[in-house]
PDB file of N, CA and C in Angstrom:
ATOM      1  N   MET A   1    -121.502  16.825  22.506  1.00  0.00           N
ATOM      2  CA  MET A   1    -120.485  17.150  23.492  1.00  0.00           C
ATOM      3  C   MET A   1    -120.455  16.061  24.552  1.00  0.00           C
ATOM      4  N   LYS A   2    -119.254  15.649  24.939  1.00  0.00           N
ATOM      5  CA  LYS A   2    -119.112  14.601  25.942  1.00  0.00           C
ATOM      6  C   LYS A   2    -119.491  15.114  27.316  1.00  0.00           C
ATOM      7  N   GLU A   3    -120.041  14.205  28.104  1.00  0.00           N
ATOM      8  CA  GLU A   3    -120.387  14.553  29.476  1.00  0.00           C
ATOM      9  C   GLU A   3    -119.121  14.525  30.325  1.00  0.00           C
ATOM     10  N   ARG A   4    -118.931  15.531  31.104  1.00  0.00           N
ATOM     11  CA  ARG A   4    -117.719  15.639  31.923  1.00  0.00           C
ATOM     12  C   ARG A   4    -117.896  14.815  33.186  1.00  0.00           C
ATOM     13  N   ILE A   5    -116.898  13.971  33.462  1.00  0.00           N
ATOM     14  CA  ILE A   5    -116.938  13.116  34.639  1.00  0.00           C
ATOM     15  C   ILE A   5    -116.009  13.706  35.689  1.00  0.00           C
ATOM     16  N   ILE A   6    -116.536  13.930  36.862  1.00  0.00           N
ATOM     17  CA  ILE A   6    -115.742  14.482  37.949  1.00  0.00           C
ATOM     18  C   ILE A   6    -115.514  13.380  38.970  1.00  0.00           C
ATOM     19  N   LYS A   7    -114.220  13.110  39.236  1.00  0.00           N
ATOM     20  CA  LYS A   7    -113.876  12.082  40.210  1.00  0.00           C
ATOM     21  C   LYS A   7    -113.372  12.754  41.475  1.00  0.00           C
ATOM     22  N   LYS A   8    -113.757  12.217  42.601  1.00  0.00           N
ATOM     23  CA  LYS A   8    -113.251  12.717  43.866  1.00  0.00           C
ATOM     24  C   LYS A   8    -112.347  11.648  44.463  1.00  0.00           C
ATOM     25  N   TYR A   9    -111.166  12.077  44.896  1.00  0.00           N
ATOM     26  CA  TYR A   9    -110.205  11.161  45.476  1.00  0.00           C
ATOM     27  C   TYR A   9    -110.319  11.218  46.989  1.00  0.00           C
ATOM     28  N   PRO A  10    -110.049  10.098  47.642  1.00  0.00           N
ATOM     29  CA  PRO A  10    -110.156  10.081  49.099  1.00  0.00           C
ATOM     30  C   PRO A  10    -109.150  11.034  49.734  1.00  0.00           C
ATOM     31  N   ALA A  11    -109.572  11.631  50.817  1.00  0.00           N
ATOM     32  CA  ALA A  11    -108.706  12.590  51.507  1.00  0.00           C
ATOM     33  C   ALA A  11    -107.543  11.872  52.167  1.00  0.00           C
ATOM     34  N   LEU A  12    -106.395  12.509  52.130  1.00  0.00           N
ATOM     35  CA  LEU A  12    -105.208  11.955  52.773  1.00  0.00           C
ATOM     36  C   LEU A  12    -105.200  12.319  54.245  1.00  0.00           C
ATOM     37  N   LYS A  13    -104.416  11.585  55.006  1.00  0.00           N
ATOM     38  CA  LYS A  13    -104.229  11.901  56.410  1.00  0.00           C
ATOM     39  C   LYS A  13    -102.760  12.283  56.612  1.00  0.00           C
ATOM     40  N   PRO A  14    -102.364  13.477  56.170  1.00  0.00           N
ATOM     41  CA  PRO A  14    -100.955  13.833  56.240  1.00  0.00           C
ATOM     42  C   PRO A  14    -100.428  13.954  57.663  1.00  0.00           C
ATOM     43  N   ALA A  15    -101.296  14.203  58.629  1.00  0.00           N
ATOM     44  CA  ALA A  15    -100.818  14.352  59.998  1.00  0.00           C
ATOM     45  C   ALA A  15    -100.302  13.023  60.533  1.00  0.00           C
ATOM     46  N   SER A  16    -101.037  11.920  60.249  1.00  0.00           N
ATOM     47  CA  SER A  16    -100.615  10.636  60.791  1.00  0.00           C
ATOM     48  C   SER A  16     -99.527   9.978  59.940  1.00  0.00           C
ATOM     49  N   LEU A  17     -99.562  10.198  58.620  1.00  0.00           N
ATOM     50  CA  LEU A  17     -98.600   9.551  57.739  1.00  0.00           C
ATOM     51  C   LEU A  17     -97.461  10.482  57.332  1.00  0.00           C
ATOM     52  N   GLU A  18     -97.607  11.765  57.585  1.00  0.00           N
ATOM     53  CA  GLU A  18     -96.599  12.763  57.264  1.00  0.00           C
ATOM     54  C   GLU A  18     -96.190  12.711  55.795  1.00  0.00           C
ATOM     55  N   LEU A  19     -97.165  12.664  54.894  1.00  0.00           N
ATOM     56  CA  LEU A  19     -96.897  12.681  53.454  1.00  0.00           C
ATOM     57  C   LEU A  19     -97.352  14.025  52.890  1.00  0.00           C
ATOM     58  N   LYS A  20     -96.656  15.071  53.236  1.00  0.00           N
ATOM     59  CA  LYS A  20     -97.031  16.413  52.796  1.00  0.00           C
ATOM     60  C   LYS A  20     -96.739  16.618  51.314  1.00  0.00           C
ATOM     61  N   GLU A  21     -95.811  15.842  50.746  1.00  0.00           N
ATOM     62  CA  GLU A  21     -95.434  16.000  49.347  1.00  0.00           C
ATOM     63  C   GLU A  21     -96.399  15.295  48.394  1.00  0.00           C
ATOM     64  N   ALA A  22     -97.264  14.426  48.931  1.00  0.00           N
ATOM     65  CA  ALA A  22     -98.192  13.657  48.089  1.00  0.00           C
ATOM     66  C   ALA A  22     -99.280  14.565  47.556  1.00  0.00           C
ATOM     67  N   VAL A  23     -99.621  14.359  46.271  1.00  0.00           N
ATOM     68  CA  VAL A  23    -100.629  15.173  45.602  1.00  0.00           C
ATOM     69  C   VAL A  23    -101.585  14.243  44.872  1.00  0.00           C
ATOM     70  N   ALA A  24    -102.890  14.532  44.942  1.00  0.00           N
ATOM     71  CA  ALA A  24    -103.868  13.758  44.189  1.00  0.00           C
ATOM     72  C   ALA A  24    -104.050  14.421  42.827  1.00  0.00           C
ATOM     73  N   MET A  25    -103.646  13.705  41.749  1.00  0.00           N
ATOM     74  CA  MET A  25    -103.748  14.251  40.397  1.00  0.00           C
ATOM     75  C   MET A  25    -104.892  13.575  39.649  1.00  0.00           C
ATOM     76  N   PRO A  26    -105.686  14.349  38.900  1.00  0.00           N
ATOM     77  CA  PRO A  26    -106.785  13.755  38.143  1.00  0.00           C
ATOM     78  C   PRO A  26    -106.269  12.798  37.074  1.00  0.00           C
ATOM     79  N   GLY A  27    -106.885  11.650  36.983  1.00  0.00           N
ATOM     80  CA  GLY A  27    -106.510  10.649  35.992  1.00  0.00           C
ATOM     81  C   GLY A  27    -105.373   9.744  36.425  1.00  0.00           C
ATOM     82  N   ILE A  28    -104.601  10.167  37.408  1.00  0.00           N
ATOM     83  CA  ILE A  28    -103.473   9.358  37.881  1.00  0.00           C
ATOM     84  C   ILE A  28    -103.721   8.878  39.299  1.00  0.00           C
ATOM     85  N   GLY A  29    -104.268   9.724  40.132  1.00  0.00           N
ATOM     86  CA  GLY A  29    -104.495   9.377  41.530  1.00  0.00           C
ATOM     87  C   GLY A  29    -103.451  10.033  42.411  1.00  0.00           C
ATOM     88  N   LEU A  30    -103.132   9.388  43.503  1.00  0.00           N
ATOM     89  CA  LEU A  30    -102.170   9.919  44.450  1.00  0.00           C
ATOM     90  C   LEU A  30    -100.764   9.777  43.891  1.00  0.00           C
ATOM     91  N   THR A  31    -100.012  10.880  43.838  1.00  0.00           N
ATOM     92  CA  THR A  31     -98.655  10.854  43.323  1.00  0.00           C
ATOM     93  C   THR A  31     -97.699  11.442  44.350  1.00  0.00           C
ATOM     94  N   ILE A  32     -96.453  10.989  44.274  1.00  0.00           N
ATOM     95  CA  ILE A  32     -95.418  11.477  45.165  1.00  0.00           C
ATOM     96  C   ILE A  32     -94.089  11.432  44.414  1.00  0.00           C
ATOM     97  N   PRO A  33     -93.251  12.461  44.567  1.00  0.00           N
ATOM     98  CA  PRO A  33     -91.944  12.437  43.897  1.00  0.00           C
ATOM     99  C   PRO A  33     -91.046  11.334  44.460  1.00  0.00           C
ATOM    100  N   VAL A  34     -90.127  10.859  43.646  1.00  0.00           N
ATOM    101  CA  VAL A  34     -89.275   9.736  44.041  1.00  0.00           C
ATOM    102  C   VAL A  34     -88.419  10.075  45.261  1.00  0.00           C
ATOM    103  N   ARG A  35     -87.952  11.293  45.364  1.00  0.00           N
ATOM    104  CA  ARG A  35     -87.123  11.681  46.510  1.00  0.00           C
ATOM    105  C   ARG A  35     -87.920  11.594  47.809  1.00  0.00           C
ATOM    106  N   ALA A  36     -89.178  12.064  47.777  1.00  0.00           N
ATOM    107  CA  ALA A  36     -90.023  11.981  48.964  1.00  0.00           C
ATOM    108  C   ALA A  36     -90.415  10.534  49.247  1.00  0.00           C
ATOM    109  N   ALA A  37     -90.616   9.736  48.191  1.00  0.00           N
ATOM    110  CA  ALA A  37     -90.978   8.328  48.374  1.00  0.00           C
ATOM    111  C   ALA A  37     -89.851   7.562  49.056  1.00  0.00           C
ATOM    112  N   LYS A  38     -88.610   7.877  48.697  1.00  0.00           N
ATOM    113  CA  LYS A  38     -87.472   7.219  49.337  1.00  0.00           C
ATOM    114  C   LYS A  38     -87.402   7.585  50.820  1.00  0.00           C
ATOM    115  N   ALA A  39     -87.722   8.828  51.125  1.00  0.00           N
ATOM    116  CA  ALA A  39     -87.628   9.286  52.510  1.00  0.00           C
ATOM    117  C   ALA A  39     -88.778   8.766  53.364  1.00  0.00           C
ATOM    118  N   LYS A  40     -89.935   8.532  52.763  1.00  0.00           N
ATOM    119  CA  LYS A  40     -91.137   8.151  53.516  1.00  0.00           C
ATOM    120  C   LYS A  40     -91.684   6.798  53.081  1.00  0.00           C
ATOM    121  N   LEU A  41     -90.802   5.841  52.831  1.00  0.00           N
ATOM    122  CA  LEU A  41     -91.235   4.533  52.327  1.00  0.00           C
ATOM    123  C   LEU A  41     -92.169   3.820  53.298  1.00  0.00           C
ATOM    124  N   SER A  42     -91.887   3.862  54.580  1.00  0.00           N
ATOM    125  CA  SER A  42     -92.740   3.173  55.559  1.00  0.00           C
ATOM    126  C   SER A  42     -94.156   3.729  55.547  1.00  0.00           C
ATOM    127  N   ALA A  43     -94.284   5.047  55.479  1.00  0.00           N
ATOM    128  CA  ALA A  43     -95.606   5.666  55.436  1.00  0.00           C
ATOM    129  C   ALA A  43     -96.335   5.304  54.148  1.00  0.00           C
ATOM    130  N   LEU A  44     -95.599   5.241  53.032  1.00  0.00           N
ATOM    131  CA  LEU A  44     -96.212   4.846  51.759  1.00  0.00           C
ATOM    132  C   LEU A  44     -96.715   3.409  51.818  1.00  0.00           C
ATOM    133  N   LEU A  45     -95.949   2.527  52.422  1.00  0.00           N
ATOM    134  CA  LEU A  45     -96.370   1.129  52.526  1.00  0.00           C
ATOM    135  C   LEU A  45     -97.620   0.985  53.386  1.00  0.00           C
ATOM    136  N   GLU A  46     -97.733   1.785  54.440  1.00  0.00           N
ATOM    137  CA  GLU A  46     -98.953   1.761  55.252  1.00  0.00           C
ATOM    138  C   GLU A  46    -100.146   2.216  54.438  1.00  0.00           C
ATOM    139  N   LEU A  47     -99.956   3.260  53.653  1.00  0.00           N
ATOM    140  CA  LEU A  47    -101.038   3.789  52.822  1.00  0.00           C
ATOM    141  C   LEU A  47    -101.461   2.760  51.774  1.00  0.00           C
ATOM    142  N   VAL A  48    -100.498   2.093  51.150  1.00  0.00           N
ATOM    143  CA  VAL A  48    -100.797   1.077  50.135  1.00  0.00           C
ATOM    144  C   VAL A  48    -101.478  -0.129  50.778  1.00  0.00           C
ATOM    145  N   ALA A  49    -101.038  -0.518  51.960  1.00  0.00           N
ATOM    146  CA  ALA A  49    -101.663  -1.639  52.661  1.00  0.00           C
ATOM    147  C   ALA A  49    -103.121  -1.328  52.985  1.00  0.00           C
ATOM    148  N   GLY A  50    -103.453  -0.063  53.113  1.00  0.00           N
ATOM    149  CA  GLY A  50    -104.828   0.344  53.360  1.00  0.00           C
ATOM    150  C   GLY A  50    -105.698   0.347  52.114  1.00  0.00           C
ATOM    151  N   GLY A  51    -105.118   0.045  50.945  1.00  0.00           N
ATOM    152  CA  GLY A  51    -105.915  -0.071  49.725  1.00  0.00           C
ATOM    153  C   GLY A  51    -105.702   1.054  48.726  1.00  0.00           C
ATOM    154  N   GLN A  52    -104.855   2.020  49.021  1.00  0.00           N
ATOM    155  CA  GLN A  52    -104.618   3.167  48.138  1.00  0.00           C
ATOM    156  C   GLN A  52    -103.494   2.863  47.151  1.00  0.00           C
ATOM    157  N   GLU A  53    -103.682   3.200  45.879  1.00  0.00           N
ATOM    158  CA  GLU A  53    -102.615   3.100  44.893  1.00  0.00           C
ATOM    159  C   GLU A  53    -101.819   4.393  44.915  1.00  0.00           C
ATOM    160  N   VAL A  54    -100.503   4.294  44.811  1.00  0.00           N
ATOM    161  CA  VAL A  54     -99.627   5.462  44.836  1.00  0.00           C
ATOM    162  C   VAL A  54     -98.738   5.426  43.597  1.00  0.00           C
ATOM    163  N   THR A  55     -98.695   6.540  42.864  1.00  0.00           N
ATOM    164  CA  THR A  55     -97.839   6.656  41.689  1.00  0.00           C
ATOM    165  C   THR A  55     -96.604   7.448  42.077  1.00  0.00           C
ATOM    166  N   ILE A  56     -95.427   6.909  41.757  1.00  0.00           N
ATOM    167  CA  ILE A  56     -94.168   7.586  42.049  1.00  0.00           C
ATOM    168  C   ILE A  56     -93.712   8.280  40.771  1.00  0.00           C
ATOM    169  N   THR A  57     -93.386   9.578  40.896  1.00  0.00           N
ATOM    170  CA  THR A  57     -92.995  10.369  39.734  1.00  0.00           C
ATOM    171  C   THR A  57     -91.541  10.793  39.828  1.00  0.00           C
ATOM    172  N   SER A  58     -90.958  11.042  38.662  1.00  0.00           N
ATOM    173  CA  SER A  58     -89.607  11.574  38.569  1.00  0.00           C
ATOM    174  C   SER A  58     -89.639  12.657  37.498  1.00  0.00           C
ATOM    175  N   ASP A  59     -89.252  13.850  37.848  1.00  0.00           N
ATOM    176  CA  ASP A  59     -89.333  15.006  36.952  1.00  0.00           C
ATOM    177  C   ASP A  59     -90.755  15.227  36.448  1.00  0.00           C
ATOM    178  N   GLY A  60     -91.728  14.950  37.281  1.00  0.00           N
ATOM    179  CA  GLY A  60     -93.130  15.171  36.942  1.00  0.00           C
ATOM    180  C   GLY A  60     -93.756  14.089  36.086  1.00  0.00           C
ATOM    181  N   LEU A  61     -93.004  13.069  35.707  1.00  0.00           N
ATOM    182  CA  LEU A  61     -93.530  11.982  34.870  1.00  0.00           C
ATOM    183  C   LEU A  61     -93.713  10.724  35.710  1.00  0.00           C
ATOM    184  N   PRO A  62     -94.842  10.014  35.562  1.00  0.00           N
ATOM    185  CA  PRO A  62     -95.053   8.773  36.313  1.00  0.00           C
ATOM    186  C   PRO A  62     -94.009   7.732  35.937  1.00  0.00           C
ATOM    187  N   LYS A  63     -93.409   7.107  36.955  1.00  0.00           N
ATOM    188  CA  LYS A  63     -92.391   6.088  36.728  1.00  0.00           C
ATOM    189  C   LYS A  63     -92.794   4.721  37.267  1.00  0.00           C
ATOM    190  N   ALA A  64     -93.556   4.679  38.377  1.00  0.00           N
ATOM    191  CA  ALA A  64     -93.935   3.398  38.972  1.00  0.00           C
ATOM    192  C   ALA A  64     -95.240   3.567  39.734  1.00  0.00           C
ATOM    193  N   VAL A  65     -95.923   2.446  39.949  1.00  0.00           N
ATOM    194  CA  VAL A  65     -97.169   2.447  40.712  1.00  0.00           C
ATOM    195  C   VAL A  65     -97.050   1.416  41.827  1.00  0.00           C
ATOM    196  N   LEU A  66     -97.310   1.845  43.045  1.00  0.00           N
ATOM    197  CA  LEU A  66     -97.382   0.924  44.179  1.00  0.00           C
ATOM    198  C   LEU A  66     -98.847   0.585  44.371  1.00  0.00           C
ATOM    199  N   SER A  67     -99.170  -0.696  44.409  1.00  0.00           N
ATOM    200  CA  SER A  67    -100.561  -1.101  44.589  1.00  0.00           C
ATOM    201  C   SER A  67    -100.622  -2.233  45.611  1.00  0.00           C
ATOM    202  N   PRO A  68    -101.775  -2.400  46.249  1.00  0.00           N
ATOM    203  CA  PRO A  68    -101.917  -3.477  47.226  1.00  0.00           C
ATOM    204  C   PRO A  68    -101.705  -4.841  46.575  1.00  0.00           C
ATOM    205  N   VAL A  69    -101.313  -5.810  47.360  1.00  0.00           N
ATOM    206  CA  VAL A  69    -100.944  -7.131  46.848  1.00  0.00           C
ATOM    207  C   VAL A  69    -102.091  -7.794  46.087  1.00  0.00           C
ATOM    208  N   GLY A  70    -103.271  -7.833  46.628  1.00  0.00           N
ATOM    209  CA  GLY A  70    -104.380  -8.539  45.999  1.00  0.00           C
ATOM    210  C   GLY A  70    -105.015  -7.789  44.860  1.00  0.00           C
ATOM    211  N   LYS A  71    -104.613  -6.555  44.607  1.00  0.00           N
ATOM    212  CA  LYS A  71    -105.277  -5.728  43.616  1.00  0.00           C
ATOM    213  C   LYS A  71    -104.668  -5.832  42.221  1.00  0.00           C
ATOM    214  N   ALA A  72    -103.542  -6.504  42.076  1.00  0.00           N
ATOM    215  CA  ALA A  72    -102.855  -6.585  40.788  1.00  0.00           C
ATOM    216  C   ALA A  72    -103.710  -7.341  39.769  1.00  0.00           C
ATOM    217  N   LYS A  73    -103.653  -6.885  38.520  1.00  0.00           N
ATOM    218  CA  LYS A  73    -104.395  -7.537  37.447  1.00  0.00           C
ATOM    219  C   LYS A  73    -103.673  -8.819  37.046  1.00  0.00           C
ATOM    220  N   PRO A  74    -104.407  -9.879  36.729  1.00  0.00           N
ATOM    221  CA  PRO A  74    -103.735 -11.110  36.304  1.00  0.00           C
ATOM    222  C   PRO A  74    -103.073 -10.916  34.945  1.00  0.00           C
ATOM    223  N   ARG A  75    -101.913 -11.521  34.787  1.00  0.00           N
ATOM    224  CA  ARG A  75    -101.191 -11.400  33.531  1.00  0.00           C
ATOM    225  C   ARG A  75    -101.722 -12.387  32.508  1.00  0.00           C
ATOM    226  N   LYS A  76    -101.561 -12.032  31.248  1.00  0.00           N
ATOM    227  CA  LYS A  76    -101.945 -12.920  30.166  1.00  0.00           C
ATOM    228  C   LYS A  76    -100.896 -14.021  30.051  1.00  0.00           C
ATOM    229  N   VAL A  77    -101.332 -15.251  29.960  1.00  0.00           N
ATOM    230  CA  VAL A  77    -100.423 -16.392  29.919  1.00  0.00           C
ATOM    231  C   VAL A  77     -99.904 -16.572  28.496  1.00  0.00           C
ATOM    232  N   PHE A  78     -98.572 -16.691  28.369  1.00  0.00           N
ATOM    233  CA  PHE A  78     -97.958 -16.923  27.067  1.00  0.00           C
ATOM    234  C   PHE A  78     -98.157 -18.385  26.693  1.00  0.00           C
ATOM    235  N   THR A  79     -98.803 -18.619  25.571  1.00  0.00           N
ATOM    236  CA  THR A  79     -99.104 -19.982  25.153  1.00  0.00           C
ATOM    237  C   THR A  79     -98.117 -20.501  24.116  1.00  0.00           C
ATOM    238  N   GLY A  80     -97.211 -19.670  23.691  1.00  0.00           N
ATOM    239  CA  GLY A  80     -96.208 -20.109  22.734  1.00  0.00           C
ATOM    240  C   GLY A  80     -96.519 -19.657  21.322  1.00  0.00           C
ATOM    241  N   MET A  81     -95.518 -19.725  20.487  1.00  0.00           N
ATOM    242  CA  MET A  81     -95.667 -19.291  19.096  1.00  0.00           C
ATOM    243  C   MET A  81     -96.475 -20.279  18.272  1.00  0.00           C
ATOM    244  N   GLY A  82     -96.511 -21.541  18.696  1.00  0.00           N
ATOM    245  CA  GLY A  82     -97.237 -22.543  17.918  1.00  0.00           C
ATOM    246  C   GLY A  82     -98.709 -22.199  17.770  1.00  0.00           C
ATOM    247  N   ASP A  83     -99.348 -21.830  18.867  1.00  0.00           N
ATOM    248  CA  ASP A  83    -100.768 -21.469  18.808  1.00  0.00           C
ATOM    249  C   ASP A  83    -100.973 -20.230  17.948  1.00  0.00           C
ATOM    250  N   TYR A  84    -100.062 -19.270  18.082  1.00  0.00           N
ATOM    251  CA  TYR A  84    -100.175 -18.040  17.300  1.00  0.00           C
ATOM    252  C   TYR A  84    -100.044 -18.345  15.810  1.00  0.00           C
ATOM    253  N   LEU A  85     -99.050 -19.154  15.461  1.00  0.00           N
ATOM    254  CA  LEU A  85     -98.834 -19.463  14.056  1.00  0.00           C
ATOM    255  C   LEU A  85     -99.971 -20.290  13.463  1.00  0.00           C
ATOM    256  N   LEU A  86    -100.566 -21.171  14.258  1.00  0.00           N
ATOM    257  CA  LEU A  86    -101.686 -21.965  13.759  1.00  0.00           C
ATOM    258  C   LEU A  86    -102.911 -21.107  13.455  1.00  0.00           C
ATOM    259  N   LYS A  87    -103.026 -19.956  14.105  1.00  0.00           N
ATOM    260  CA  LYS A  87    -104.165 -19.056  13.883  1.00  0.00           C
ATOM    261  C   LYS A  87    -103.975 -18.187  12.641  1.00  0.00           C
ATOM    262  N   GLN A  88    -102.762 -18.147  12.086  1.00  0.00           N
ATOM    263  CA  GLN A  88    -102.491 -17.301  10.935  1.00  0.00           C
ATOM    264  C   GLN A  88    -103.031 -17.952   9.663  1.00  0.00           C
ATOM    265  N   PRO A  89    -103.491 -17.115   8.711  1.00  0.00           N
ATOM    266  CA  PRO A  89    -103.984 -17.692   7.447  1.00  0.00           C
ATOM    267  C   PRO A  89    -102.837 -18.328   6.671  1.00  0.00           C
ATOM    268  N   ILE A  90    -103.128 -19.400   5.998  1.00  0.00           N
ATOM    269  CA  ILE A  90    -102.116 -20.123   5.233  1.00  0.00           C
ATOM    270  C   ILE A  90    -101.887 -19.386   3.915  1.00  0.00           C
ATOM    271  N   HIS A  91    -100.614 -19.158   3.604  1.00  0.00           N
ATOM    272  CA  HIS A  91    -100.280 -18.479   2.359  1.00  0.00           C
ATOM    273  C   HIS A  91    -100.435 -19.469   1.208  1.00  0.00           C
ATOM    274  N   THR A  92    -100.987 -19.001   0.103  1.00  0.00           N
ATOM    275  CA  THR A  92    -101.273 -19.897  -1.017  1.00  0.00           C
ATOM    276  C   THR A  92    -100.288 -19.718  -2.168  1.00  0.00           C
ATOM    277  N   GLY A  93     -99.168 -19.075  -1.941  1.00  0.00           N
ATOM    278  CA  GLY A  93     -98.175 -18.874  -2.991  1.00  0.00           C
ATOM    279  C   GLY A  93     -97.332 -20.110  -3.202  1.00  0.00           C
ATOM    280  N   PRO A  94     -96.349 -20.012  -4.096  1.00  0.00           N
ATOM    281  CA  PRO A  94     -95.477 -21.155  -4.367  1.00  0.00           C
ATOM    282  C   PRO A  94     -94.577 -21.444  -3.163  1.00  0.00           C
ATOM    283  N   SER A  95     -94.145 -22.678  -3.049  1.00  0.00           N
ATOM    284  CA  SER A  95     -93.272 -23.056  -1.941  1.00  0.00           C
ATOM    285  C   SER A  95     -91.860 -22.538  -2.204  1.00  0.00           C
ATOM    286  N   ALA A  96     -91.032 -22.566  -1.184  1.00  0.00           N
ATOM    287  CA  ALA A  96     -89.654 -22.098  -1.320  1.00  0.00           C
ATOM    288  C   ALA A  96     -88.899 -22.940  -2.347  1.00  0.00           C
ATOM    289  N   GLU A  97     -89.158 -24.237  -2.359  1.00  0.00           N
ATOM    290  CA  GLU A  97     -88.478 -25.122  -3.301  1.00  0.00           C
ATOM    291  C   GLU A  97     -88.827 -24.754  -4.747  1.00  0.00           C
ATOM    292  N   GLU A  98     -90.097 -24.433  -4.994  1.00  0.00           N
ATOM    293  CA  GLU A  98     -90.513 -24.047  -6.344  1.00  0.00           C
ATOM    294  C   GLU A  98     -89.867 -22.736  -6.771  1.00  0.00           C
ATOM    295  N   ILE A  99     -89.737 -21.790  -5.860  1.00  0.00           N
ATOM    296  CA  ILE A  99     -89.128 -20.493  -6.182  1.00  0.00           C
ATOM    297  C   ILE A  99     -87.655 -20.670  -6.513  1.00  0.00           C
ATOM    298  N   VAL A 100     -86.935 -21.491  -5.720  1.00  0.00           N
ATOM    299  CA  VAL A 100     -85.510 -21.732  -5.977  1.00  0.00           C
ATOM    300  C   VAL A 100     -85.326 -22.449  -7.311  1.00  0.00           C
ATOM    301  N   ARG A 101     -86.172 -23.447  -7.587  1.00  0.00           N
ATOM    302  CA  ARG A 101     -86.072 -24.190  -8.845  1.00  0.00           C
ATOM    303  C   ARG A 101     -86.310 -23.265 -10.043  1.00  0.00           C
ATOM    304  N   GLU A 102     -87.297 -22.389  -9.933  1.00  0.00           N
ATOM    305  CA  GLU A 102     -87.600 -21.458 -11.020  1.00  0.00           C
ATOM    306  C   GLU A 102     -86.443 -20.487 -11.230  1.00  0.00           C
ATOM    307  N   ASP A 103     -85.818 -20.035 -10.146  1.00  0.00           N
ATOM    308  CA  ASP A 103     -84.683 -19.124 -10.247  1.00  0.00           C
ATOM    309  C   ASP A 103     -83.490 -19.816 -10.915  1.00  0.00           C
ATOM    310  N   ARG A 104     -83.241 -21.070 -10.546  1.00  0.00           N
ATOM    311  CA  ARG A 104     -82.119 -21.819 -11.146  1.00  0.00           C
ATOM    312  C   ARG A 104     -82.357 -22.068 -12.627  1.00  0.00           C
ATOM    313  N   ASP A 105     -83.612 -22.407 -12.989  1.00  0.00           N
ATOM    314  CA  ASP A 105     -83.930 -22.669 -14.380  1.00  0.00           C
ATOM    315  C   ASP A 105     -83.776 -21.391 -15.210  1.00  0.00           C
ATOM    316  N   ALA A 106     -84.128 -20.243 -14.615  1.00  0.00           N
ATOM    317  CA  ALA A 106     -84.017 -18.974 -15.348  1.00  0.00           C
ATOM    318  C   ALA A 106     -82.554 -18.607 -15.577  1.00  0.00           C
ATOM    319  N   ARG A 107     -81.674 -19.024 -14.678  1.00  0.00           N
ATOM    320  CA  ARG A 107     -80.249 -18.713 -14.824  1.00  0.00           C
ATOM    321  C   ARG A 107     -79.531 -19.771 -15.675  1.00  0.00           C
ATOM    322  N   GLY A 108     -80.182 -20.876 -15.957  1.00  0.00           N
ATOM    323  CA  GLY A 108     -79.587 -21.920 -16.781  1.00  0.00           C
ATOM    324  C   GLY A 108     -78.699 -22.878 -15.994  1.00  0.00           C
ATOM    325  N   TRP A 109     -78.868 -23.030 -14.745  1.00  0.00           N
ATOM    326  CA  TRP A 109     -78.064 -23.938 -13.938  1.00  0.00           C
ATOM    327  C   TRP A 109     -78.496 -25.336 -14.087  1.00  0.00           C
TER     328      TRP A 109
END
């Protein structure tokens, strides 16, 4: 049986930020509906600037995540298709020219 991990989320300060609609959900973190996020954008930005990630939901489904500027994960750099293709195993079948020639010979051309 797996060991159950219990996470505790930091307490909100709804009195100073007036984010009464924000809810801390397990596995997601702090969430707020999009309508409330639009109305309280300044308060959300203060909270995010303090280091808290905020998930914006629409119809109960996560749609976006607001995170502090320095906390974003670095993106993987696209190196191009050439490197990808060079890593692929070389096919050992007949070449296209051989296949076309064999097809023409079979048809009597």
